[in-house]
Amino acid sequence: MNKPRDVAKAPHGYLLREESVEKLEQIRDQLLLMARMVFAATQAEESEPLEIQRSMLGQCFENFGLQLDELLSTMEWASLRMPRHR
């Protein structure tokens, strides 16, 4: 692959299994739901502090981090899956 035209053929990016994509979609949906719950619905709510225990919020973030870490570990560099041309 030392010719410029061969470089353009090399795949770029990562591969992710369909089940992992579905898990990513679930994480996205959970984060969007949490955002909707936190946003103020009225002007009065806007000035009210949101009361939540730090440990609960930390556990929530840790859970998302662990789920994303699991998904990232399943990703493969696309070139590892593609046959090599010589």
Protein backbone atom coordinates (compact mmCIF):
# COMPACT_ATOMS: atom_id res chain seq x y z
CA MET A 1 0.00 0.00 0.00
CA ASN A 2 2.66 2.48 -0.94
CA LYS A 3 0.79 3.99 -3.86
CA PRO A 4 -1.55 6.95 -3.19
CA ARG A 5 -4.50 5.22 -4.90
CA ASP A 6 -4.13 2.21 -2.56
CA VAL A 7 -4.31 4.43 0.51
CA ALA A 8 -7.77 5.63 -0.49
CA LYS A 9 -9.01 2.04 -0.50
CA ALA A 10 -8.01 1.41 3.12
CA PRO A 11 -11.08 1.35 5.40
CA HIS A 12 -11.21 3.95 8.12
CA GLY A 13 -13.19 3.70 11.32
CA TYR A 14 -14.48 1.10 13.70
CA LEU A 15 -16.94 -1.76 13.43
CA LEU A 16 -19.63 -2.26 16.03
CA ARG A 17 -22.00 -5.21 16.30
CA GLU A 18 -25.71 -4.57 15.90
CA GLU A 19 -26.40 -5.52 19.53
CA SER A 20 -23.82 -2.95 20.65
CA VAL A 21 -25.47 -0.27 18.51
CA GLU A 22 -28.75 -1.10 20.22
CA LYS A 23 -27.08 -0.72 23.62
CA LEU A 24 -25.70 2.66 22.56
CA GLU A 25 -29.20 3.70 21.52
CA GLN A 26 -30.50 2.66 24.94
CA ILE A 27 -27.82 4.72 26.68
CA ARG A 28 -28.70 7.68 24.44
CA ASP A 29 -32.38 7.32 25.30
CA GLN A 30 -31.65 7.09 29.02
CA LEU A 31 -29.50 10.23 28.91
CA LEU A 32 -32.17 12.13 26.98
CA LEU A 33 -34.80 11.04 29.51
CA MET A 34 -32.61 12.24 32.37
CA ALA A 35 -32.12 15.57 30.61
CA ARG A 36 -35.88 16.00 30.21
CA MET A 37 -36.40 15.29 33.90
CA VAL A 38 -33.80 17.87 34.94
CA PHE A 39 -34.87 20.73 32.66
CA ALA A 40 -37.30 23.12 34.29
CA ALA A 41 -40.84 22.96 32.94
CA THR A 42 -41.84 26.35 34.34
CA GLN A 43 -40.10 29.61 35.24
CA ALA A 44 -40.79 28.90 38.92
CA GLU A 45 -38.97 25.57 38.67
CA GLU A 46 -36.03 27.33 37.03
CA SER A 47 -35.16 29.16 40.24
CA GLU A 48 -35.63 26.12 42.49
CA PRO A 49 -32.54 24.06 43.31
CA LEU A 50 -32.57 20.46 42.13
CA GLU A 51 -32.11 18.22 45.14
CA ILE A 52 -30.36 14.95 44.48
CA GLN A 53 -27.95 12.93 46.56
CA ARG A 54 -24.39 13.10 45.30
CA SER A 55 -23.93 9.35 45.64
CA MET A 56 -27.00 8.67 43.47
CA LEU A 57 -25.76 11.02 40.75
CA GLY A 58 -22.25 9.57 40.97
CA GLN A 59 -23.62 6.04 40.72
CA CYS A 60 -25.65 7.05 37.67
CA PHE A 61 -22.59 8.52 35.91
CA GLU A 62 -20.49 5.51 36.88
CA ASN A 63 -23.13 3.19 35.41
CA PHE A 64 -23.12 5.06 32.10
CA GLY A 65 -19.33 5.03 32.07
CA LEU A 66 -19.18 1.29 32.66
CA GLN A 67 -21.76 0.63 29.94
CA LEU A 68 -19.83 2.76 27.46
CA ASP A 69 -16.56 1.11 28.45
CA GLU A 70 -18.09 -2.31 27.77
CA LEU A 71 -19.27 -1.18 24.35
CA LEU A 72 -15.95 0.41 23.45
CA SER A 73 -14.17 -2.83 24.26
CA THR A 74 -16.30 -4.62 21.64
CA MET A 75 -15.29 -2.23 18.86
CA GLU A 76 -12.80 -3.37 16.26
CA TRP A 77 -10.70 -1.30 13.90
CA ALA A 78 -12.25 -1.80 10.46
CA SER A 79 -8.97 -2.74 8.80
CA LEU A 80 -8.66 -5.80 11.04
CA ARG A 81 -11.82 -7.22 9.47
CA MET A 82 -11.00 -6.41 5.86
CA PRO A 83 -8.97 -8.82 3.71
CA ARG A 84 -5.53 -7.56 2.84
CA HIS A 85 -4.75 -7.03 -0.82
CA ARG A 86 -1.23 -7.45 -2.06
